[in-house]
Amino acid sequence: MANHKSSKKRIRQIEVRKENNKYYAKTTRNALKAIRATTNKEEAGVLLPKLTSMLDKLAKKNIIHKKKASNLKSSIVKHVSSL
């Protein structure tokens, strides 16, 4: 158990960040699932900029790796262009 004031604060910070990261990851997974499930090109065209923006923000905050974000964007653009 933590005895120092700073280590107790660090534990609190970690818990808050873990909750935020879990929320971001779940939101991103849901958005990816929604765009992959769509068969309408216009609807996918509306969702695509929002999803790419979301992935860029997560990569910028180091929640996901920048290359993972790039790979996801690439696969989604490929999917949307094939519709």
PDB file of N, CA and C in Angstrom:
ATOM      1  N   MET A   1       0.848  -1.197   0.000  1.00  0.00           N
ATOM      2  CA  MET A   1       0.000   0.000   0.000  1.00  0.00           C
ATOM      3  C   MET A   1       0.882   1.244   0.000  1.00  0.00           C
ATOM      4  N   ALA A   2       0.409   2.278  -0.665  1.00  0.00           N
ATOM      5  CA  ALA A   2       1.170   3.518  -0.790  1.00  0.00           C
ATOM      6  C   ALA A   2       1.207   4.246   0.551  1.00  0.00           C
ATOM      7  N   ASN A   3       2.386   4.734   0.876  1.00  0.00           N
ATOM      8  CA  ASN A   3       2.550   5.475   2.122  1.00  0.00           C
ATOM      9  C   ASN A   3       2.821   6.950   1.890  1.00  0.00           C
ATOM     10  N   HIS A   4       3.370   7.290   0.729  1.00  0.00           N
ATOM     11  CA  HIS A   4       3.720   8.678   0.460  1.00  0.00           C
ATOM     12  C   HIS A   4       2.545   9.409  -0.180  1.00  0.00           C
ATOM     13  N   LYS A   5       2.519  10.701   0.096  1.00  0.00           N
ATOM     14  CA  LYS A   5       1.465  11.534  -0.466  1.00  0.00           C
ATOM     15  C   LYS A   5       1.499  11.520  -1.989  1.00  0.00           C
ATOM     16  N   SER A   6       2.701  11.581  -2.538  1.00  0.00           N
ATOM     17  CA  SER A   6       2.842  11.622  -3.994  1.00  0.00           C
ATOM     18  C   SER A   6       2.419  10.307  -4.640  1.00  0.00           C
ATOM     19  N   SER A   7       2.693   9.186  -3.981  1.00  0.00           N
ATOM     20  CA  SER A   7       2.290   7.902  -4.560  1.00  0.00           C
ATOM     21  C   SER A   7       0.775   7.715  -4.477  1.00  0.00           C
ATOM     22  N   LYS A   8       0.139   8.257  -3.451  1.00  0.00           N
ATOM     23  CA  LYS A   8      -1.333   8.204  -3.378  1.00  0.00           C
ATOM     24  C   LYS A   8      -1.948   9.040  -4.494  1.00  0.00           C
ATOM     25  N   LYS A   9      -1.344  10.207  -4.753  1.00  0.00           N
ATOM     26  CA  LYS A   9      -1.817  11.058  -5.839  1.00  0.00           C
ATOM     27  C   LYS A   9      -1.626  10.363  -7.181  1.00  0.00           C
ATOM     28  N   ARG A  10      -0.476   9.709  -7.358  1.00  0.00           N
ATOM     29  CA  ARG A  10      -0.198   8.997  -8.601  1.00  0.00           C
ATOM     30  C   ARG A  10      -1.238   7.899  -8.825  1.00  0.00           C
ATOM     31  N   ILE A  11      -1.631   7.195  -7.787  1.00  0.00           N
ATOM     32  CA  ILE A  11      -2.650   6.140  -7.905  1.00  0.00           C
ATOM     33  C   ILE A  11      -3.983   6.745  -8.348  1.00  0.00           C
ATOM     34  N   ARG A  12      -4.339   7.894  -7.770  1.00  0.00           N
ATOM     35  CA  ARG A  12      -5.578   8.565  -8.177  1.00  0.00           C
ATOM     36  C   ARG A  12      -5.517   8.978  -9.643  1.00  0.00           C
ATOM     37  N   GLN A  13      -4.379   9.513 -10.071  1.00  0.00           N
ATOM     38  CA  GLN A  13      -4.223   9.939 -11.461  1.00  0.00           C
ATOM     39  C   GLN A  13      -4.340   8.760 -12.416  1.00  0.00           C
ATOM     40  N   ILE A  14      -3.725   7.657 -12.047  1.00  0.00           N
ATOM     41  CA  ILE A  14      -3.761   6.461 -12.898  1.00  0.00           C
ATOM     42  C   ILE A  14      -5.188   5.960 -13.066  1.00  0.00           C
ATOM     43  N   GLU A  15      -5.962   5.967 -11.975  1.00  0.00           N
ATOM     44  CA  GLU A  15      -7.348   5.498 -12.050  1.00  0.00           C
ATOM     45  C   GLU A  15      -8.181   6.370 -12.984  1.00  0.00           C
ATOM     46  N   VAL A  16      -7.999   7.683 -12.902  1.00  0.00           N
ATOM     47  CA  VAL A  16      -8.745   8.604 -13.756  1.00  0.00           C
ATOM     48  C   VAL A  16      -8.361   8.391 -15.215  1.00  0.00           C
ATOM     49  N   ARG A  17      -7.050   8.280 -15.490  1.00  0.00           N
ATOM     50  CA  ARG A  17      -6.591   8.085 -16.863  1.00  0.00           C
ATOM     51  C   ARG A  17      -7.056   6.752 -17.421  1.00  0.00           C
ATOM     52  N   LYS A  18      -7.089   5.729 -16.560  1.00  0.00           N
ATOM     53  CA  LYS A  18      -7.535   4.412 -17.014  1.00  0.00           C
ATOM     54  C   LYS A  18      -9.002   4.454 -17.424  1.00  0.00           C
ATOM     55  N   GLU A  19      -9.824   5.147 -16.660  1.00  0.00           N
ATOM     56  CA  GLU A  19     -11.244   5.286 -17.015  1.00  0.00           C
ATOM     57  C   GLU A  19     -11.409   6.044 -18.329  1.00  0.00           C
ATOM     58  N   ASN A  20     -10.652   7.133 -18.495  1.00  0.00           N
ATOM     59  CA  ASN A  20     -10.735   7.912 -19.725  1.00  0.00           C
ATOM     60  C   ASN A  20     -10.297   7.086 -20.923  1.00  0.00           C
ATOM     61  N   ASN A  21      -9.185   6.362 -20.774  1.00  0.00           N
ATOM     62  CA  ASN A  21      -8.686   5.547 -21.873  1.00  0.00           C
ATOM     63  C   ASN A  21      -9.669   4.451 -22.236  1.00  0.00           C
ATOM     64  N   LYS A  22     -10.327   3.874 -21.241  1.00  0.00           N
ATOM     65  CA  LYS A  22     -11.322   2.831 -21.497  1.00  0.00           C
ATOM     66  C   LYS A  22     -12.497   3.411 -22.287  1.00  0.00           C
ATOM     67  N   TYR A  23     -12.910   4.617 -21.933  1.00  0.00           N
ATOM     68  CA  TYR A  23     -14.001   5.285 -22.643  1.00  0.00           C
ATOM     69  C   TYR A  23     -13.608   5.566 -24.095  1.00  0.00           C
ATOM     70  N   TYR A  24     -12.405   6.121 -24.296  1.00  0.00           N
ATOM     71  CA  TYR A  24     -11.948   6.429 -25.653  1.00  0.00           C
ATOM     72  C   TYR A  24     -11.842   5.172 -26.502  1.00  0.00           C
ATOM     73  N   ALA A  25     -11.307   4.102 -25.915  1.00  0.00           N
ATOM     74  CA  ALA A  25     -11.134   2.859 -26.661  1.00  0.00           C
ATOM     75  C   ALA A  25     -12.482   2.272 -27.049  1.00  0.00           C
ATOM     76  N   LYS A  26     -13.439   2.289 -26.145  1.00  0.00           N
ATOM     77  CA  LYS A  26     -14.758   1.725 -26.427  1.00  0.00           C
ATOM     78  C   LYS A  26     -15.479   2.561 -27.485  1.00  0.00           C
ATOM     79  N   THR A  27     -15.389   3.878 -27.383  1.00  0.00           N
ATOM     80  CA  THR A  27     -16.023   4.759 -28.353  1.00  0.00           C
ATOM     81  C   THR A  27     -15.445   4.533 -29.749  1.00  0.00           C
ATOM     82  N   THR A  28     -14.142   4.377 -29.811  1.00  0.00           N
ATOM     83  CA  THR A  28     -13.482   4.142 -31.090  1.00  0.00           C
ATOM     84  C   THR A  28     -13.885   2.802 -31.682  1.00  0.00           C
ATOM     85  N   ARG A  29     -13.930   1.766 -30.840  1.00  0.00           N
ATOM     86  CA  ARG A  29     -14.344   0.444 -31.331  1.00  0.00           C
ATOM     87  C   ARG A  29     -15.763   0.479 -31.869  1.00  0.00           C
ATOM     88  N   ASN A  30     -16.656   1.187 -31.177  1.00  0.00           N
ATOM     89  CA  ASN A  30     -18.040   1.295 -31.639  1.00  0.00           C
ATOM     90  C   ASN A  30     -18.126   2.038 -32.967  1.00  0.00           C
ATOM     91  N   ALA A  31     -17.328   3.095 -33.114  1.00  0.00           N
ATOM     92  CA  ALA A  31     -17.327   3.857 -34.366  1.00  0.00           C
ATOM     93  C   ALA A  31     -16.791   3.006 -35.515  1.00  0.00           C
ATOM     94  N   LEU A  32     -15.738   2.245 -35.254  1.00  0.00           N
ATOM     95  CA  LEU A  32     -15.183   1.355 -36.280  1.00  0.00           C
ATOM     96  C   LEU A  32     -16.206   0.300 -36.689  1.00  0.00           C
ATOM     97  N   LYS A  33     -16.878  -0.253 -35.705  1.00  0.00           N
ATOM     98  CA  LYS A  33     -17.891  -1.275 -35.979  1.00  0.00           C
ATOM     99  C   LYS A  33     -19.029  -0.695 -36.818  1.00  0.00           C
ATOM    100  N   ALA A  34     -19.428   0.539 -36.499  1.00  0.00           N
ATOM    101  CA  ALA A  34     -20.529   1.170 -37.223  1.00  0.00           C
ATOM    102  C   ALA A  34     -20.158   1.429 -38.684  1.00  0.00           C
ATOM    103  N   ILE A  35     -18.950   1.905 -38.907  1.00  0.00           N
ATOM    104  CA  ILE A  35     -18.554   2.223 -40.290  1.00  0.00           C
ATOM    105  C   ILE A  35     -18.304   0.954 -41.091  1.00  0.00           C
ATOM    106  N   ARG A  36     -17.847  -0.103 -40.432  1.00  0.00           N
ATOM    107  CA  ARG A  36     -17.650  -1.373 -41.140  1.00  0.00           C
ATOM    108  C   ARG A  36     -18.974  -2.051 -41.461  1.00  0.00           C
ATOM    109  N   ALA A  37     -19.985  -1.806 -40.655  1.00  0.00           N
ATOM    110  CA  ALA A  37     -21.279  -2.452 -40.851  1.00  0.00           C
ATOM    111  C   ALA A  37     -22.125  -1.757 -41.910  1.00  0.00           C
ATOM    112  N   THR A  38     -21.812  -0.511 -42.208  1.00  0.00           N
ATOM    113  CA  THR A  38     -22.626   0.238 -43.156  1.00  0.00           C
ATOM    114  C   THR A  38     -22.382  -0.239 -44.588  1.00  0.00           C
ATOM    115  N   THR A  39     -23.441  -0.178 -45.378  1.00  0.00           N
ATOM    116  CA  THR A  39     -23.332  -0.539 -46.792  1.00  0.00           C
ATOM    117  C   THR A  39     -23.643   0.652 -47.689  1.00  0.00           C
ATOM    118  N   ASN A  40     -24.016   1.768 -47.083  1.00  0.00           N
ATOM    119  CA  ASN A  40     -24.360   2.978 -47.810  1.00  0.00           C
ATOM    120  C   ASN A  40     -23.120   3.872 -47.915  1.00  0.00           C
ATOM    121  N   LYS A  41     -22.708   4.203 -49.115  1.00  0.00           N
ATOM    122  CA  LYS A  41     -21.487   4.987 -49.318  1.00  0.00           C
ATOM    123  C   LYS A  41     -21.623   6.410 -48.768  1.00  0.00           C
ATOM    124  N   GLU A  42     -22.803   7.017 -48.908  1.00  0.00           N
ATOM    125  CA  GLU A  42     -22.997   8.385 -48.402  1.00  0.00           C
ATOM    126  C   GLU A  42     -22.889   8.416 -46.880  1.00  0.00           C
ATOM    127  N   GLU A  43     -23.495   7.437 -46.232  1.00  0.00           N
ATOM    128  CA  GLU A  43     -23.450   7.372 -44.771  1.00  0.00           C
ATOM    129  C   GLU A  43     -22.010   7.135 -44.293  1.00  0.00           C
ATOM    130  N   ALA A  44     -21.294   6.254 -44.990  1.00  0.00           N
ATOM    131  CA  ALA A  44     -19.897   5.990 -44.641  1.00  0.00           C
ATOM    132  C   ALA A  44     -19.043   7.229 -44.875  1.00  0.00           C
ATOM    133  N   GLY A  45     -19.377   7.994 -45.914  1.00  0.00           N
ATOM    134  CA  GLY A  45     -18.648   9.237 -46.192  1.00  0.00           C
ATOM    135  C   GLY A  45     -18.814  10.269 -45.104  1.00  0.00           C
ATOM    136  N   VAL A  46     -19.957  10.256 -44.442  1.00  0.00           N
ATOM    137  CA  VAL A  46     -20.194  11.183 -43.332  1.00  0.00           C
ATOM    138  C   VAL A  46     -19.441  10.719 -42.089  1.00  0.00           C
ATOM    139  N   LEU A  47     -19.405   9.410 -41.860  1.00  0.00           N
ATOM    140  CA  LEU A  47     -18.754   8.872 -40.665  1.00  0.00           C
ATOM    141  C   LEU A  47     -17.226   8.895 -40.756  1.00  0.00           C
ATOM    142  N   LEU A  48     -16.703   8.822 -41.970  1.00  0.00           N
ATOM    143  CA  LEU A  48     -15.253   8.695 -42.150  1.00  0.00           C
ATOM    144  C   LEU A  48     -14.446   9.855 -41.571  1.00  0.00           C
ATOM    145  N   PRO A  49     -14.785  11.124 -41.837  1.00  0.00           N
ATOM    146  CA  PRO A  49     -13.981  12.211 -41.258  1.00  0.00           C
ATOM    147  C   PRO A  49     -14.008  12.234 -39.736  1.00  0.00           C
ATOM    148  N   LYS A  50     -15.160  11.888 -39.161  1.00  0.00           N
ATOM    149  CA  LYS A  50     -15.253  11.854 -37.697  1.00  0.00           C
ATOM    150  C   LYS A  50     -14.341  10.779 -37.124  1.00  0.00           C
ATOM    151  N   LEU A  51     -14.326   9.630 -37.780  1.00  0.00           N
ATOM    152  CA  LEU A  51     -13.505   8.525 -37.300  1.00  0.00           C
ATOM    153  C   LEU A  51     -12.015   8.818 -37.462  1.00  0.00           C
ATOM    154  N   THR A  52     -11.627   9.391 -38.591  1.00  0.00           N
ATOM    155  CA  THR A  52     -10.210   9.698 -38.782  1.00  0.00           C
ATOM    156  C   THR A  52      -9.747  10.757 -37.784  1.00  0.00           C
ATOM    157  N   SER A  53     -10.601  11.717 -37.507  1.00  0.00           N
ATOM    158  CA  SER A  53     -10.273  12.734 -36.514  1.00  0.00           C
ATOM    159  C   SER A  53     -10.101  12.110 -35.135  1.00  0.00           C
ATOM    160  N   MET A  54     -11.007  11.198 -34.791  1.00  0.00           N
ATOM    161  CA  MET A  54     -10.937  10.515 -33.506  1.00  0.00           C
ATOM    162  C   MET A  54      -9.639   9.723 -33.376  1.00  0.00           C
ATOM    163  N   LEU A  55      -9.275   9.000 -34.429  1.00  0.00           N
ATOM    164  CA  LEU A  55      -8.045   8.201 -34.394  1.00  0.00           C
ATOM    165  C   LEU A  55      -6.808   9.093 -34.293  1.00  0.00           C
ATOM    166  N   ASP A  56      -6.816  10.225 -35.001  1.00  0.00           N
ATOM    167  CA  ASP A  56      -5.681  11.146 -34.932  1.00  0.00           C
ATOM    168  C   ASP A  56      -5.523  11.715 -33.522  1.00  0.00           C
ATOM    169  N   LYS A  57      -6.628  12.055 -32.896  1.00  0.00           N
ATOM    170  CA  LYS A  57      -6.568  12.597 -31.536  1.00  0.00           C
ATOM    171  C   LYS A  57      -6.043  11.557 -30.553  1.00  0.00           C
ATOM    172  N   LEU A  58      -6.489  10.306 -30.705  1.00  0.00           N
ATOM    173  CA  LEU A  58      -6.015   9.256 -29.805  1.00  0.00           C
ATOM    174  C   LEU A  58      -4.526   9.002 -30.003  1.00  0.00           C
ATOM    175  N   ALA A  59      -4.065   9.061 -31.240  1.00  0.00           N
ATOM    176  CA  ALA A  59      -2.639   8.872 -31.500  1.00  0.00           C
ATOM    177  C   ALA A  59      -1.833  10.045 -30.947  1.00  0.00           C
ATOM    178  N   LYS A  60      -2.376  11.245 -31.053  1.00  0.00           N
ATOM    179  CA  LYS A  60      -1.682  12.430 -30.550  1.00  0.00           C
ATOM    180  C   LYS A  60      -1.520  12.377 -29.030  1.00  0.00           C
ATOM    181  N   LYS A  61      -2.528  11.829 -28.339  1.00  0.00           N
ATOM    182  CA  LYS A  61      -2.479  11.728 -26.882  1.00  0.00           C
ATOM    183  C   LYS A  61      -1.790  10.454 -26.400  1.00  0.00           C
ATOM    184  N   ASN A  62      -1.241   9.669 -27.338  1.00  0.00           N
ATOM    185  CA  ASN A  62      -0.550   8.415 -27.034  1.00  0.00           C
ATOM    186  C   ASN A  62      -1.452   7.383 -26.365  1.00  0.00           C
ATOM    187  N   ILE A  63      -2.728   7.419 -26.677  1.00  0.00           N
ATOM    188  CA  ILE A  63      -3.637   6.382 -26.182  1.00  0.00           C
ATOM    189  C   ILE A  63      -3.504   5.154 -27.071  1.00  0.00           C
ATOM    190  N   ILE A  64      -3.366   5.394 -28.374  1.00  0.00           N
ATOM    191  CA  ILE A  64      -3.010   4.311 -29.294  1.00  0.00           C
ATOM    192  C   ILE A  64      -1.757   4.738 -30.042  1.00  0.00           C
ATOM    193  N   HIS A  65      -1.055   3.773 -30.589  1.00  0.00           N
ATOM    194  CA  HIS A  65       0.169   4.071 -31.328  1.00  0.00           C
ATOM    195  C   HIS A  65      -0.175   4.761 -32.644  1.00  0.00           C
ATOM    196  N   LYS A  66       0.692   5.651 -33.096  1.00  0.00           N
ATOM    197  CA  LYS A  66       0.398   6.411 -34.314  1.00  0.00           C
ATOM    198  C   LYS A  66       0.327   5.509 -35.542  1.00  0.00           C
ATOM    199  N   LYS A  67       1.098   4.426 -35.556  1.00  0.00           N
ATOM    200  CA  LYS A  67       1.042   3.519 -36.701  1.00  0.00           C
ATOM    201  C   LYS A  67      -0.223   2.672 -36.676  1.00  0.00           C
ATOM    202  N   LYS A  68      -0.721   2.363 -35.488  1.00  0.00           N
ATOM    203  CA  LYS A  68      -1.992   1.646 -35.399  1.00  0.00           C
ATOM    204  C   LYS A  68      -3.111   2.526 -35.930  1.00  0.00           C
ATOM    205  N   ALA A  69      -3.086   3.792 -35.573  1.00  0.00           N
ATOM    206  CA  ALA A  69      -4.083   4.730 -36.084  1.00  0.00           C
ATOM    207  C   ALA A  69      -4.006   4.814 -37.599  1.00  0.00           C
ATOM    208  N   SER A  70      -2.804   4.859 -38.118  1.00  0.00           N
ATOM    209  CA  SER A  70      -2.606   4.928 -39.560  1.00  0.00           C
ATOM    210  C   SER A  70      -3.138   3.674 -40.249  1.00  0.00           C
ATOM    211  N   ASN A  71      -2.841   2.516 -39.678  1.00  0.00           N
ATOM    212  CA  ASN A  71      -3.325   1.258 -40.249  1.00  0.00           C
ATOM    213  C   ASN A  71      -4.846   1.169 -40.229  1.00  0.00           C
ATOM    214  N   LEU A  72      -5.455   1.603 -39.129  1.00  0.00           N
ATOM    215  CA  LEU A  72      -6.916   1.586 -39.038  1.00  0.00           C
ATOM    216  C   LEU A  72      -7.535   2.524 -40.065  1.00  0.00           C
ATOM    217  N   LYS A  73      -6.979   3.730 -40.187  1.00  0.00           N
ATOM    218  CA  LYS A  73      -7.501   4.690 -41.170  1.00  0.00           C
ATOM    219  C   LYS A  73      -7.383   4.137 -42.580  1.00  0.00           C
ATOM    220  N   SER A  74      -6.251   3.521 -42.867  1.00  0.00           N
ATOM    221  CA  SER A  74      -6.029   2.963 -44.195  1.00  0.00           C
ATOM    222  C   SER A  74      -7.054   1.881 -44.521  1.00  0.00           C
ATOM    223  N   SER A  75      -7.287   0.978 -43.574  1.00  0.00           N
ATOM    224  CA  SER A  75      -8.234  -0.107 -43.829  1.00  0.00           C
ATOM    225  C   SER A  75      -9.658   0.409 -43.963  1.00  0.00           C
ATOM    226  N   ILE A  76     -10.001   1.431 -43.184  1.00  0.00           N
ATOM    227  CA  ILE A  76     -11.348   1.986 -43.260  1.00  0.00           C
ATOM    228  C   ILE A  76     -11.554   2.742 -44.573  1.00  0.00           C
ATOM    229  N   VAL A  77     -10.556   3.501 -45.016  1.00  0.00           N
ATOM    230  CA  VAL A  77     -10.680   4.211 -46.296  1.00  0.00           C
ATOM    231  C   VAL A  77     -10.812   3.220 -47.435  1.00  0.00           C
ATOM    232  N   LYS A  78     -10.067   2.136 -47.356  1.00  0.00           N
ATOM    233  CA  LYS A  78     -10.148   1.092 -48.368  1.00  0.00           C
ATOM    234  C   LYS A  78     -11.559   0.478 -48.391  1.00  0.00           C
ATOM    235  N   HIS A  79     -12.112   0.267 -47.212  1.00  0.00           N
ATOM    236  CA  HIS A  79     -13.466  -0.294 -47.104  1.00  0.00           C
ATOM    237  C   HIS A  79     -14.504   0.675 -47.699  1.00  0.00           C
ATOM    238  N   VAL A  80     -14.393   1.957 -47.342  1.00  0.00           N
ATOM    239  CA  VAL A  80     -15.365   2.946 -47.811  1.00  0.00           C
ATOM    240  C   VAL A  80     -15.269   3.118 -49.336  1.00  0.00           C
ATOM    241  N   SER A  81     -14.046   3.105 -49.869  1.00  0.00           N
ATOM    242  CA  SER A  81     -13.909   3.274 -51.314  1.00  0.00           C
ATOM    243  C   SER A  81     -14.413   2.068 -52.093  1.00  0.00           C
ATOM    244  N   SER A  82     -14.471   0.899 -51.443  1.00  0.00           N
ATOM    245  CA  SER A  82     -14.971  -0.295 -52.134  1.00  0.00           C
ATOM    246  C   SER A  82     -16.495  -0.387 -52.135  1.00  0.00           C
ATOM    247  N   LEU A  83     -17.142   0.503 -51.369  1.00  0.00           N
ATOM    248  CA  LEU A  83     -18.619   0.471 -51.330  1.00  0.00           C
ATOM    249  C   LEU A  83     -19.209   0.976 -52.623  1.00  0.00           C
TER     250      LEU A  83
END
